[in-house]
Amino acid sequence: MAEGKENENFQQEANEQEEKLKYLEFVQATTDNAVTALSNIYLYAKDNSGPLKPGVETIEGVAKTVVIPASKIPTEAIKFADRAVDASFTTLQNIVPSVLKQLPTQACDTSVKESAE
């Protein structure tokens, strides 16, 4: 029984890691912030629409049937792009000599030393 629960927890953690973006997480965060801001603007406009409110609510119902399914497409596109970026970085990791991989770290270390002096 405990083994089954442990297996289930492991599977859930694996799914969460798979869902998390590796390189393009900032795009998803920016998109979420933009959607939140636009939603707040829309709600404010809707609350202050006065006599047009019934018309706005009718259009809102129609728009929801289109927008909600379409909102999942960008998430899938971002995940696809993130996997493509990951594949490119993996390929580059194998091609680029290790000396070149160390250059950014050395440059950062040098700049930290120079700024400390």
PDB file of N, CA and C in Angstrom:
ATOM      1  N   MET A   1       0.819  -1.187   0.000  1.00  0.00           N
ATOM      2  CA  MET A   1       0.000   0.000   0.000  1.00  0.00           C
ATOM      3  C   MET A   1       0.871   1.263   0.000  1.00  0.00           C
ATOM      4  N   ALA A   2       1.849   1.315   0.902  1.00  0.00           N
ATOM      5  CA  ALA A   2       2.738   2.469   0.979  1.00  0.00           C
ATOM      6  C   ALA A   2       3.579   2.580  -0.284  1.00  0.00           C
ATOM      7  N   GLU A   3       3.930   1.437  -0.845  1.00  0.00           N
ATOM      8  CA  GLU A   3       4.733   1.427  -2.061  1.00  0.00           C
ATOM      9  C   GLU A   3       3.956   2.043  -3.224  1.00  0.00           C
ATOM     10  N   GLY A   4       2.671   1.774  -3.301  1.00  0.00           N
ATOM     11  CA  GLY A   4       1.818   2.335  -4.350  1.00  0.00           C
ATOM     12  C   GLY A   4       1.704   3.849  -4.229  1.00  0.00           C
ATOM     13  N   LYS A   5       1.577   4.342  -2.977  1.00  0.00           N
ATOM     14  CA  LYS A   5       1.500   5.778  -2.743  1.00  0.00           C
ATOM     15  C   LYS A   5       2.814   6.456  -3.107  1.00  0.00           C
ATOM     16  N   GLU A   6       3.914   5.809  -2.755  1.00  0.00           N
ATOM     17  CA  GLU A   6       5.234   6.349  -3.065  1.00  0.00           C
ATOM     18  C   GLU A   6       5.422   6.433  -4.576  1.00  0.00           C
ATOM     19  N   ASN A   7       4.991   5.401  -5.273  1.00  0.00           N
ATOM     20  CA  ASN A   7       5.072   5.370  -6.731  1.00  0.00           C
ATOM     21  C   ASN A   7       4.224   6.488  -7.336  1.00  0.00           C
ATOM     22  N   GLU A   8       3.051   6.710  -6.770  1.00  0.00           N
ATOM     23  CA  GLU A   8       2.150   7.759  -7.253  1.00  0.00           C
ATOM     24  C   GLU A   8       2.768   9.139  -7.040  1.00  0.00           C
ATOM     25  N   ASN A   9       3.389   9.357  -5.875  1.00  0.00           N
ATOM     26  CA  ASN A   9       4.051  10.630  -5.595  1.00  0.00           C
ATOM     27  C   ASN A   9       5.205  10.870  -6.556  1.00  0.00           C
ATOM     28  N   PHE A  10       5.969   9.828  -6.832  1.00  0.00           N
ATOM     29  CA  PHE A  10       7.088   9.941  -7.766  1.00  0.00           C
ATOM     30  C   PHE A  10       6.586  10.328  -9.153  1.00  0.00           C
ATOM     31  N   GLN A  11       5.500   9.699  -9.586  1.00  0.00           N
ATOM     32  CA  GLN A  11       4.921   9.992 -10.903  1.00  0.00           C
ATOM     33  C   GLN A  11       4.420  11.433 -10.956  1.00  0.00           C
ATOM     34  N   GLN A  12       3.816  11.897  -9.865  1.00  0.00           N
ATOM     35  CA  GLN A  12       3.306  13.259  -9.812  1.00  0.00           C
ATOM     36  C   GLN A  12       4.459  14.262  -9.888  1.00  0.00           C
ATOM     37  N   GLU A  13       5.552  14.006  -9.178  1.00  0.00           N
ATOM     38  CA  GLU A  13       6.717  14.881  -9.226  1.00  0.00           C
ATOM     39  C   GLU A  13       7.324  14.900 -10.621  1.00  0.00           C
ATOM     40  N   ALA A  14       7.376  13.758 -11.280  1.00  0.00           N
ATOM     41  CA  ALA A  14       7.907  13.689 -12.640  1.00  0.00           C
ATOM     42  C   ALA A  14       7.045  14.510 -13.595  1.00  0.00           C
ATOM     43  N   ASN A  15       5.736  14.440 -13.434  1.00  0.00           N
ATOM     44  CA  ASN A  15       4.835  15.225 -14.283  1.00  0.00           C
ATOM     45  C   ASN A  15       5.011  16.721 -14.047  1.00  0.00           C
ATOM     46  N   GLU A  16       5.197  17.129 -12.783  1.00  0.00           N
ATOM     47  CA  GLU A  16       5.390  18.540 -12.471  1.00  0.00           C
ATOM     48  C   GLU A  16       6.689  19.055 -13.079  1.00  0.00           C
ATOM     49  N   GLN A  17       7.760  18.252 -13.021  1.00  0.00           N
ATOM     50  CA  GLN A  17       9.021  18.671 -13.615  1.00  0.00           C
ATOM     51  C   GLN A  17       8.909  18.748 -15.129  1.00  0.00           C
ATOM     52  N   GLU A  18       8.141  17.853 -15.721  1.00  0.00           N
ATOM     53  CA  GLU A  18       7.946  17.868 -17.163  1.00  0.00           C
ATOM     54  C   GLU A  18       7.169  19.112 -17.575  1.00  0.00           C
ATOM     55  N   GLU A  19       6.214  19.537 -16.745  1.00  0.00           N
ATOM     56  CA  GLU A  19       5.405  20.715 -17.041  1.00  0.00           C
ATOM     57  C   GLU A  19       6.225  22.001 -16.932  1.00  0.00           C
ATOM     58  N   LYS A  20       7.212  22.038 -16.042  1.00  0.00           N
ATOM     59  CA  LYS A  20       8.001  23.236 -15.825  1.00  0.00           C
ATOM     60  C   LYS A  20       8.915  23.475 -17.021  1.00  0.00           C
ATOM     61  N   LEU A  21       8.945  24.716 -17.474  1.00  0.00           N
ATOM     62  CA  LEU A  21       9.787  25.064 -18.606  1.00  0.00           C
ATOM     63  C   LEU A  21      11.224  25.241 -18.138  1.00  0.00           C
ATOM     64  N   LYS A  22      12.152  24.893 -19.001  1.00  0.00           N
ATOM     65  CA  LYS A  22      13.560  24.943 -18.655  1.00  0.00           C
ATOM     66  C   LYS A  22      14.187  26.295 -19.002  1.00  0.00           C
ATOM     67  N   TYR A  23      13.890  26.814 -20.193  1.00  0.00           N
ATOM     68  CA  TYR A  23      14.536  28.025 -20.679  1.00  0.00           C
ATOM     69  C   TYR A  23      13.567  29.188 -20.884  1.00  0.00           C
ATOM     70  N   LEU A  24      12.333  28.901 -21.199  1.00  0.00           N
ATOM     71  CA  LEU A  24      11.382  29.946 -21.563  1.00  0.00           C
ATOM     72  C   LEU A  24      10.329  30.197 -20.489  1.00  0.00           C
ATOM     73  N   GLU A  25      10.698  29.960 -19.246  1.00  0.00           N
ATOM     74  CA  GLU A  25       9.750  30.170 -18.152  1.00  0.00           C
ATOM     75  C   GLU A  25       9.356  31.647 -18.044  1.00  0.00           C
ATOM     76  N   PHE A  26      10.294  32.552 -18.397  1.00  0.00           N
ATOM     77  CA  PHE A  26       9.994  33.976 -18.333  1.00  0.00           C
ATOM     78  C   PHE A  26       8.896  34.364 -19.322  1.00  0.00           C
ATOM     79  N   VAL A  27       8.816  33.665 -20.458  1.00  0.00           N
ATOM     80  CA  VAL A  27       7.770  33.952 -21.441  1.00  0.00           C
ATOM     81  C   VAL A  27       6.406  33.605 -20.853  1.00  0.00           C
ATOM     82  N   GLN A  28       6.341  32.462 -20.210  1.00  0.00           N
ATOM     83  CA  GLN A  28       5.078  32.044 -19.605  1.00  0.00           C
ATOM     84  C   GLN A  28       4.680  33.000 -18.477  1.00  0.00           C
ATOM     85  N   ALA A  29       5.641  33.429 -17.675  1.00  0.00           N
ATOM     86  CA  ALA A  29       5.341  34.355 -16.581  1.00  0.00           C
ATOM     87  C   ALA A  29       4.858  35.699 -17.129  1.00  0.00           C
ATOM     88  N   THR A  30       5.502  36.174 -18.193  1.00  0.00           N
ATOM     89  CA  THR A  30       5.091  37.435 -18.808  1.00  0.00           C
ATOM     90  C   THR A  30       3.690  37.329 -19.386  1.00  0.00           C
ATOM     91  N   THR A  31       3.410  36.209 -20.030  1.00  0.00           N
ATOM     92  CA  THR A  31       2.078  35.987 -20.593  1.00  0.00           C
ATOM     93  C   THR A  31       1.027  35.961 -19.493  1.00  0.00           C
ATOM     94  N   ASP A  32       1.320  35.281 -18.405  1.00  0.00           N
ATOM     95  CA  ASP A  32       0.377  35.220 -17.283  1.00  0.00           C
ATOM     96  C   ASP A  32       0.109  36.614 -16.712  1.00  0.00           C
ATOM     97  N   ASN A  33       1.177  37.422 -16.575  1.00  0.00           N
ATOM     98  CA  ASN A  33       1.009  38.784 -16.062  1.00  0.00           C
ATOM     99  C   ASN A  33       0.177  39.637 -17.016  1.00  0.00           C
ATOM    100  N   ALA A  34       0.411  39.490 -18.320  1.00  0.00           N
ATOM    101  CA  ALA A  34      -0.353  40.255 -19.310  1.00  0.00           C
ATOM    102  C   ALA A  34      -1.829  39.867 -19.276  1.00  0.00           C
ATOM    103  N   VAL A  35      -2.097  38.579 -19.171  1.00  0.00           N
ATOM    104  CA  VAL A  35      -3.491  38.114 -19.111  1.00  0.00           C
ATOM    105  C   VAL A  35      -4.175  38.654 -17.859  1.00  0.00           C
ATOM    106  N   THR A  36      -3.473  38.649 -16.748  1.00  0.00           N
ATOM    107  CA  THR A  36      -4.040  39.174 -15.504  1.00  0.00           C
ATOM    108  C   THR A  36      -4.353  40.667 -15.633  1.00  0.00           C
ATOM    109  N   ALA A  37      -3.417  41.419 -16.203  1.00  0.00           N
ATOM    110  CA  ALA A  37      -3.630  42.857 -16.369  1.00  0.00           C
ATOM    111  C   ALA A  37      -4.813  43.138 -17.297  1.00  0.00           C
ATOM    112  N   LEU A  38      -4.872  42.430 -18.415  1.00  0.00           N
ATOM    113  CA  LEU A  38      -5.982  42.632 -19.349  1.00  0.00           C
ATOM    114  C   LEU A  38      -7.315  42.217 -18.734  1.00  0.00           C
ATOM    115  N   SER A  39      -7.301  41.172 -17.929  1.00  0.00           N
ATOM    116  CA  SER A  39      -8.531  40.745 -17.249  1.00  0.00           C
ATOM    117  C   SER A  39      -9.022  41.820 -16.289  1.00  0.00           C
ATOM    118  N   ASN A  40      -8.091  42.423 -15.564  1.00  0.00           N
ATOM    119  CA  ASN A  40      -8.470  43.484 -14.629  1.00  0.00           C
ATOM    120  C   ASN A  40      -9.044  44.691 -15.367  1.00  0.00           C
ATOM    121  N   ILE A  41      -8.427  45.047 -16.494  1.00  0.00           N
ATOM    122  CA  ILE A  41      -8.940  46.161 -17.298  1.00  0.00           C
ATOM    123  C   ILE A  41     -10.339  45.833 -17.808  1.00  0.00           C
ATOM    124  N   TYR A  42     -10.511  44.619 -18.299  1.00  0.00           N
ATOM    125  CA  TYR A  42     -11.821  44.208 -18.815  1.00  0.00           C
ATOM    126  C   TYR A  42     -12.882  44.250 -17.719  1.00  0.00           C
ATOM    127  N   LEU A  43     -12.555  43.719 -16.546  1.00  0.00           N
ATOM    128  CA  LEU A  43     -13.527  43.714 -15.444  1.00  0.00           C
ATOM    129  C   LEU A  43     -13.904  45.137 -15.023  1.00  0.00           C
ATOM    130  N   TYR A  44     -12.925  46.017 -15.012  1.00  0.00           N
ATOM    131  CA  TYR A  44     -13.201  47.416 -14.671  1.00  0.00           C
ATOM    132  C   TYR A  44     -14.137  48.034 -15.708  1.00  0.00           C
ATOM    133  N   ALA A  45     -13.848  47.802 -16.995  1.00  0.00           N
ATOM    134  CA  ALA A  45     -14.691  48.343 -18.063  1.00  0.00           C
ATOM    135  C   ALA A  45     -16.093  47.742 -18.004  1.00  0.00           C
ATOM    136  N   LYS A  46     -16.171  46.464 -17.708  1.00  0.00           N
ATOM    137  CA  LYS A  46     -17.472  45.789 -17.632  1.00  0.00           C
ATOM    138  C   LYS A  46     -18.306  46.350 -16.480  1.00  0.00           C
ATOM    139  N   ASP A  47     -17.670  46.555 -15.335  1.00  0.00           N
ATOM    140  CA  ASP A  47     -18.392  47.089 -14.178  1.00  0.00           C
ATOM    141  C   ASP A  47     -18.902  48.509 -14.431  1.00  0.00           C
ATOM    142  N   ASN A  48     -18.179  49.251 -15.250  1.00  0.00           N
ATOM    143  CA  ASN A  48     -18.552  50.640 -15.512  1.00  0.00           C
ATOM    144  C   ASN A  48     -19.233  50.822 -16.871  1.00  0.00           C
ATOM    145  N   SER A  49     -19.777  49.756 -17.428  1.00  0.00           N
ATOM    146  CA  SER A  49     -20.394  49.851 -18.756  1.00  0.00           C
ATOM    147  C   SER A  49     -21.810  50.407 -18.722  1.00  0.00           C
ATOM    148  N   GLY A  50     -22.400  50.509 -17.560  1.00  0.00           N
ATOM    149  CA  GLY A  50     -23.717  51.122 -17.415  1.00  0.00           C
ATOM    150  C   GLY A  50     -24.803  50.392 -18.180  1.00  0.00           C
ATOM    151  N   PRO A  51     -25.521  51.109 -19.052  1.00  0.00           N
ATOM    152  CA  PRO A  51     -26.647  50.499 -19.769  1.00  0.00           C
ATOM    153  C   PRO A  51     -26.219  49.462 -20.812  1.00  0.00           C
ATOM    154  N   LEU A  52     -24.956  49.409 -21.139  1.00  0.00           N
ATOM    155  CA  LEU A  52     -24.469  48.441 -22.130  1.00  0.00           C
ATOM    156  C   LEU A  52     -24.132  47.086 -21.512  1.00  0.00           C
ATOM    157  N   LYS A  53     -24.278  46.962 -20.205  1.00  0.00           N
ATOM    158  CA  LYS A  53     -23.875  45.747 -19.491  1.00  0.00           C
ATOM    159  C   LYS A  53     -24.516  44.467 -20.036  1.00  0.00           C
ATOM    160  N   PRO A  54     -25.820  44.401 -20.332  1.00  0.00           N
ATOM    161  CA  PRO A  54     -26.393  43.160 -20.878  1.00  0.00           C
ATOM    162  C   PRO A  54     -25.754  42.749 -22.208  1.00  0.00           C
ATOM    163  N   GLY A  55     -25.458  43.720 -23.050  1.00  0.00           N
ATOM    164  CA  GLY A  55     -24.793  43.418 -24.324  1.00  0.00           C
ATOM    165  C   GLY A  55     -23.386  42.905 -24.115  1.00  0.00           C
ATOM    166  N   VAL A  56     -22.688  43.497 -23.161  1.00  0.00           N
ATOM    167  CA  VAL A  56     -21.319  43.067 -22.849  1.00  0.00           C
ATOM    168  C   VAL A  56     -21.332  41.636 -22.332  1.00  0.00           C
ATOM    169  N   GLU A  57     -22.288  41.302 -21.481  1.00  0.00           N
ATOM    170  CA  GLU A  57     -22.372  39.949 -20.925  1.00  0.00           C
ATOM    171  C   GLU A  57     -22.710  38.924 -22.000  1.00  0.00           C
ATOM    172  N   THR A  58     -23.541  39.304 -22.976  1.00  0.00           N
ATOM    173  CA  THR A  58     -23.862  38.397 -24.082  1.00  0.00           C
ATOM    174  C   THR A  58     -22.618  38.108 -24.910  1.00  0.00           C
ATOM    175  N   ILE A  59     -21.888  39.156 -25.233  1.00  0.00           N
ATOM    176  CA  ILE A  59     -20.658  38.991 -26.021  1.00  0.00           C
ATOM    177  C   ILE A  59     -19.623  38.204 -25.227  1.00  0.00           C
ATOM    178  N   GLU A  60     -19.582  38.435 -23.921  1.00  0.00           N
ATOM    179  CA  GLU A  60     -18.641  37.712 -23.063  1.00  0.00           C
ATOM    180  C   GLU A  60     -18.889  36.208 -23.118  1.00  0.00           C
ATOM    181  N   GLY A  61     -20.143  35.802 -23.086  1.00  0.00           N
ATOM    182  CA  GLY A  61     -20.474  34.375 -23.149  1.00  0.00           C
ATOM    183  C   GLY A  61     -20.014  33.739 -24.443  1.00  0.00           C
ATOM    184  N   VAL A  62     -20.199  34.442 -25.551  1.00  0.00           N
ATOM    185  CA  VAL A  62     -19.762  33.929 -26.854  1.00  0.00           C
ATOM    186  C   VAL A  62     -18.236  33.888 -26.917  1.00  0.00           C
ATOM    187  N   ALA A  63     -17.599  34.937 -26.424  1.00  0.00           N
ATOM    188  CA  ALA A  63     -16.138  35.013 -26.485  1.00  0.00           C
ATOM    189  C   ALA A  63     -15.484  33.918 -25.647  1.00  0.00           C
ATOM    190  N   LYS A  64     -16.079  33.578 -24.513  1.00  0.00           N
ATOM    191  CA  LYS A  64     -15.499  32.541 -23.648  1.00  0.00           C
ATOM    192  C   LYS A  64     -15.415  31.195 -24.356  1.00  0.00           C
ATOM    193  N   THR A  65     -16.415  30.886 -25.187  1.00  0.00           N
ATOM    194  CA  THR A  65     -16.390  29.593 -25.886  1.00  0.00           C
ATOM    195  C   THR A  65     -15.251  29.519 -26.891  1.00  0.00           C
ATOM    196  N   VAL A  66     -14.776  30.667 -27.353  1.00  0.00           N
ATOM    197  CA  VAL A  66     -13.674  30.700 -28.319  1.00  0.00           C
ATOM    198  C   VAL A  66     -12.333  30.878 -27.621  1.00  0.00           C
ATOM    199  N   VAL A  67     -12.276  31.781 -26.658  1.00  0.00           N
ATOM    200  CA  VAL A  67     -11.009  32.161 -26.032  1.00  0.00           C
ATOM    201  C   VAL A  67     -10.452  31.073 -25.134  1.00  0.00           C
ATOM    202  N   ILE A  68     -11.276  30.416 -24.352  1.00  0.00           N
ATOM    203  CA  ILE A  68     -10.774  29.419 -23.394  1.00  0.00           C
ATOM    204  C   ILE A  68     -10.046  28.279 -24.100  1.00  0.00           C
ATOM    205  N   PRO A  69     -10.608  27.652 -25.144  1.00  0.00           N
ATOM    206  CA  PRO A  69      -9.838  26.602 -25.828  1.00  0.00           C
ATOM    207  C   PRO A  69      -8.598  27.153 -26.537  1.00  0.00           C
ATOM    208  N   ALA A  70      -8.703  28.370 -27.068  1.00  0.00           N
ATOM    209  CA  ALA A  70      -7.565  28.958 -27.777  1.00  0.00           C
ATOM    210  C   ALA A  70      -6.448  29.356 -26.821  1.00  0.00           C
ATOM    211  N   SER A  71      -6.765  29.582 -25.553  1.00  0.00           N
ATOM    212  CA  SER A  71      -5.738  29.996 -24.596  1.00  0.00           C
ATOM    213  C   SER A  71      -4.761  28.874 -24.287  1.00  0.00           C
ATOM    214  N   LYS A  72      -5.130  27.641 -24.562  1.00  0.00           N
ATOM    215  CA  LYS A  72      -4.238  26.513 -24.301  1.00  0.00           C
ATOM    216  C   LYS A  72      -3.188  26.357 -25.399  1.00  0.00           C
ATOM    217  N   ILE A  73      -3.453  26.900 -26.580  1.00  0.00           N
ATOM    218  CA  ILE A  73      -2.528  26.763 -27.705  1.00  0.00           C
ATOM    219  C   ILE A  73      -1.190  27.445 -27.427  1.00  0.00           C
ATOM    220  N   PRO A  74      -1.160  28.706 -26.941  1.00  0.00           N
ATOM    221  CA  PRO A  74       0.139  29.326 -26.675  1.00  0.00           C
ATOM    222  C   PRO A  74       0.980  28.551 -25.665  1.00  0.00           C
ATOM    223  N   THR A  75       0.339  27.957 -24.667  1.00  0.00           N
ATOM    224  CA  THR A  75       1.085  27.174 -23.680  1.00  0.00           C
ATOM    225  C   THR A  75       1.773  25.996 -24.348  1.00  0.00           C
ATOM    226  N   GLU A  76       1.063  25.317 -25.222  1.00  0.00           N
ATOM    227  CA  GLU A  76       1.659  24.189 -25.940  1.00  0.00           C
ATOM    228  C   GLU A  76       2.766  24.669 -26.870  1.00  0.00           C
ATOM    229  N   ALA A  77       2.579  25.829 -27.497  1.00  0.00           N
ATOM    230  CA  ALA A  77       3.603  26.376 -28.386  1.00  0.00           C
ATOM    231  C   ALA A  77       4.862  26.732 -27.601  1.00  0.00           C
ATOM    232  N   ILE A  78       4.680  27.308 -26.416  1.00  0.00           N
ATOM    233  CA  ILE A  78       5.831  27.652 -25.578  1.00  0.00           C
ATOM    234  C   ILE A  78       6.561  26.387 -25.142  1.00  0.00           C
ATOM    235  N   LYS A  79       5.813  25.353 -24.775  1.00  0.00           N
ATOM    236  CA  LYS A  79       6.445  24.087 -24.383  1.00  0.00           C
ATOM    237  C   LYS A  79       7.230  23.496 -25.548  1.00  0.00           C
ATOM    238  N   PHE A  80       6.652  23.564 -26.755  1.00  0.00           N
ATOM    239  CA  PHE A  80       7.342  23.054 -27.938  1.00  0.00           C
ATOM    240  C   PHE A  80       8.630  23.839 -28.177  1.00  0.00           C
ATOM    241  N   ALA A  81       8.549  25.168 -28.099  1.00  0.00           N
ATOM    242  CA  ALA A  81       9.731  26.003 -28.304  1.00  0.00           C
ATOM    243  C   ALA A  81      10.780  25.730 -27.231  1.00  0.00           C
ATOM    244  N   ASP A  82      10.346  25.522 -25.993  1.00  0.00           N
ATOM    245  CA  ASP A  82      11.279  25.231 -24.907  1.00  0.00           C
ATOM    246  C   ASP A  82      12.015  23.917 -25.157  1.00  0.00           C
ATOM    247  N   ARG A  83      11.287  22.917 -25.646  1.00  0.00           N
ATOM    248  CA  ARG A  83      11.938  21.637 -25.968  1.00  0.00           C
ATOM    249  C   ARG A  83      12.923  21.811 -27.123  1.00  0.00           C
ATOM    250  N   ALA A  84      12.580  22.664 -28.100  1.00  0.00           N
ATOM    251  CA  ALA A  84      13.480  22.915 -29.227  1.00  0.00           C
ATOM    252  C   ALA A  84      14.746  23.629 -28.752  1.00  0.00           C
ATOM    253  N   VAL A  85      14.589  24.605 -27.862  1.00  0.00           N
ATOM    254  CA  VAL A  85      15.750  25.308 -27.307  1.00  0.00           C
ATOM    255  C   VAL A  85      16.611  24.333 -26.515  1.00  0.00           C
ATOM    256  N   ASP A  86      15.982  23.468 -25.737  1.00  0.00           N
ATOM    257  CA  ASP A  86      16.714  22.466 -24.962  1.00  0.00           C
ATOM    258  C   ASP A  86      17.509  21.544 -25.880  1.00  0.00           C
ATOM    259  N   ALA A  87      16.892  21.112 -26.968  1.00  0.00           N
ATOM    260  CA  ALA A  87      17.596  20.237 -27.915  1.00  0.00           C
ATOM    261  C   ALA A  87      18.779  20.964 -28.541  1.00  0.00           C
ATOM    262  N   SER A  88      18.606  22.250 -28.855  1.00  0.00           N
ATOM    263  CA  SER A  88      19.704  23.030 -29.436  1.00  0.00           C
ATOM    264  C   SER A  88      20.854  23.174 -28.448  1.00  0.00           C
ATOM    265  N   PHE A  89      20.525  23.493 -27.195  1.00  0.00           N
ATOM    266  CA  PHE A  89      21.575  23.628 -26.188  1.00  0.00           C
ATOM    267  C   PHE A  89      22.293  22.307 -25.951  1.00  0.00           C
ATOM    268  N   THR A  90      21.553  21.230 -25.948  1.00  0.00           N
ATOM    269  CA  THR A  90      22.167  19.913 -25.761  1.00  0.00           C
ATOM    270  C   THR A  90      23.130  19.613 -26.900  1.00  0.00           C
ATOM    271  N   THR A  91      22.719  19.925 -28.117  1.00  0.00           N
ATOM    272  CA  THR A  91      23.589  19.717 -29.279  1.00  0.00           C
ATOM    273  C   THR A  91      24.828  20.592 -29.172  1.00  0.00           C
ATOM    274  N   LEU A  92      24.642  21.860 -28.791  1.00  0.00           N
ATOM    275  CA  LEU A  92      25.782  22.765 -28.662  1.00  0.00           C
ATOM    276  C   LEU A  92      26.728  22.327 -27.550  1.00  0.00           C
ATOM    277  N   GLN A  93      26.186  21.788 -26.475  1.00  0.00           N
ATOM    278  CA  GLN A  93      27.028  21.314 -25.377  1.00  0.00           C
ATOM    279  C   GLN A  93      28.003  20.250 -25.862  1.00  0.00           C
ATOM    280  N   ASN A  94      27.546  19.427 -26.800  1.00  0.00           N
ATOM    281  CA  ASN A  94      28.399  18.365 -27.318  1.00  0.00           C
ATOM    282  C   ASN A  94      29.396  18.875 -28.344  1.00  0.00           C
ATOM    283  N   ILE A  95      29.088  19.971 -29.018  1.00  0.00           N
ATOM    284  CA  ILE A  95      29.940  20.473 -30.098  1.00  0.00           C
ATOM    285  C   ILE A  95      30.987  21.466 -29.596  1.00  0.00           C
ATOM    286  N   VAL A  96      30.581  22.384 -28.734  1.00  0.00           N
ATOM    287  CA  VAL A  96      31.453  23.465 -28.277  1.00  0.00           C
ATOM    288  C   VAL A  96      32.552  22.905 -27.379  1.00  0.00           C
ATOM    289  N   PRO A  97      33.807  23.307 -27.634  1.00  0.00           N
ATOM    290  CA  PRO A  97      34.904  22.851 -26.771  1.00  0.00           C
ATOM    291  C   PRO A  97      34.728  23.362 -25.337  1.00  0.00           C
ATOM    292  N   SER A  98      35.257  22.613 -24.400  1.00  0.00           N
ATOM    293  CA  SER A  98      35.080  22.962 -22.987  1.00  0.00           C
ATOM    294  C   SER A  98      35.733  24.298 -22.642  1.00  0.00           C
ATOM    295  N   VAL A  99      36.781  24.679 -23.368  1.00  0.00           N
ATOM    296  CA  VAL A  99      37.442  25.961 -23.110  1.00  0.00           C
ATOM    297  C   VAL A  99      36.460  27.108 -23.354  1.00  0.00           C
ATOM    298  N   LEU A 100      35.687  27.018 -24.418  1.00  0.00           N
ATOM    299  CA  LEU A 100      34.708  28.061 -24.714  1.00  0.00           C
ATOM    300  C   LEU A 100      33.575  28.076 -23.698  1.00  0.00           C
ATOM    301  N   LYS A 101      33.246  26.938 -23.151  1.00  0.00           N
ATOM    302  CA  LYS A 101      32.186  26.876 -22.146  1.00  0.00           C
ATOM    303  C   LYS A 101      32.602  27.587 -20.862  1.00  0.00           C
ATOM    304  N   GLN A 102      33.909  27.615 -20.593  1.00  0.00           N
ATOM    305  CA  GLN A 102      34.412  28.213 -19.364  1.00  0.00           C
ATOM    306  C   GLN A 102      34.581  29.728 -19.467  1.00  0.00           C
ATOM    307  N   LEU A 103      34.596  30.279 -20.682  1.00  0.00           N
ATOM    308  CA  LEU A 103      34.837  31.704 -20.864  1.00  0.00           C
ATOM    309  C   LEU A 103      33.823  32.601 -20.149  1.00  0.00           C
ATOM    310  N   PRO A 104      32.531  32.352 -20.238  1.00  0.00           N
ATOM    311  CA  PRO A 104      31.598  33.235 -19.515  1.00  0.00           C
ATOM    312  C   PRO A 104      31.833  33.240 -18.005  1.00  0.00           C
ATOM    313  N   THR A 105      32.150  32.094 -17.449  1.00  0.00           N
ATOM    314  CA  THR A 105      32.409  32.014 -16.012  1.00  0.00           C
ATOM    315  C   THR A 105      33.665  32.796 -15.659  1.00  0.00           C
ATOM    316  N   GLN A 106      34.705  32.651 -16.476  1.00  0.00           N
ATOM    317  CA  GLN A 106      35.947  33.380 -16.231  1.00  0.00           C
ATOM    318  C   GLN A 106      35.732  34.883 -16.363  1.00  0.00           C
ATOM    319  N   ALA A 107      34.955  35.297 -17.345  1.00  0.00           N
ATOM    320  CA  ALA A 107      34.676  36.721 -17.529  1.00  0.00           C
ATOM    321  C   ALA A 107      33.908  37.277 -16.340  1.00  0.00           C
ATOM    322  N   CYS A 108      32.961  36.525 -15.848  1.00  0.00           N
ATOM    323  CA  CYS A 108      32.178  36.954 -14.684  1.00  0.00           C
ATOM    324  C   CYS A 108      33.069  37.054 -13.451  1.00  0.00           C
ATOM    325  N   ASP A 109      33.920  36.062 -13.249  1.00  0.00           N
ATOM    326  CA  ASP A 109      34.833  36.080 -12.109  1.00  0.00           C
ATOM    327  C   ASP A 109      35.770  37.279 -12.183  1.00  0.00           C
ATOM    328  N   THR A 110      36.278  37.569 -13.377  1.00  0.00           N
ATOM    329  CA  THR A 110      37.185  38.692 -13.568  1.00  0.00           C
ATOM    330  C   THR A 110      36.479  40.005 -13.267  1.00  0.00           C
ATOM    331  N   SER A 111      35.254  40.153 -13.735  1.00  0.00           N
ATOM    332  CA  SER A 111      34.520  41.403 -13.490  1.00  0.00           C
ATOM    333  C   SER A 111      34.212  41.577 -12.006  1.00  0.00           C
ATOM    334  N   VAL A 112      33.943  40.481 -11.307  1.00  0.00           N
ATOM    335  CA  VAL A 112      33.686  40.563  -9.868  1.00  0.00           C
ATOM    336  C   VAL A 112      34.957  40.978  -9.139  1.00  0.00           C
ATOM    337  N   LYS A 113      36.093  40.420  -9.544  1.00  0.00           N
ATOM    338  CA  LYS A 113      37.369  40.777  -8.913  1.00  0.00           C
ATOM    339  C   LYS A 113      37.701  42.242  -9.172  1.00  0.00           C
ATOM    340  N   GLU A 114      37.483  42.712 -10.412  1.00  0.00           N
ATOM    341  CA  GLU A 114      37.786  44.094 -10.768  1.00  0.00           C
ATOM    342  C   GLU A 114      36.885  45.068 -10.011  1.00  0.00           C
ATOM    343  N   SER A 115      35.631  44.721  -9.863  1.00  0.00           N
ATOM    344  CA  SER A 115      34.714  45.625  -9.159  1.00  0.00           C
ATOM    345  C   SER A 115      35.004  45.644  -7.657  1.00  0.00           C
ATOM    346  N   ALA A 116      35.585  44.571  -7.137  1.00  0.00           N
ATOM    347  CA  ALA A 116      35.913  44.514  -5.712  1.00  0.00           C
ATOM    348  C   ALA A 116      37.140  45.361  -5.390  1.00  0.00           C
ATOM    349  N   GLU A 117      37.988  45.552  -6.379  1.00  0.00           N
ATOM    350  CA  GLU A 117      39.233  46.306  -6.131  1.00  0.00           C
ATOM    351  C   GLU A 117      39.016  47.747  -6.185  1.00  0.00           C
TER     352      GLU A 117
END
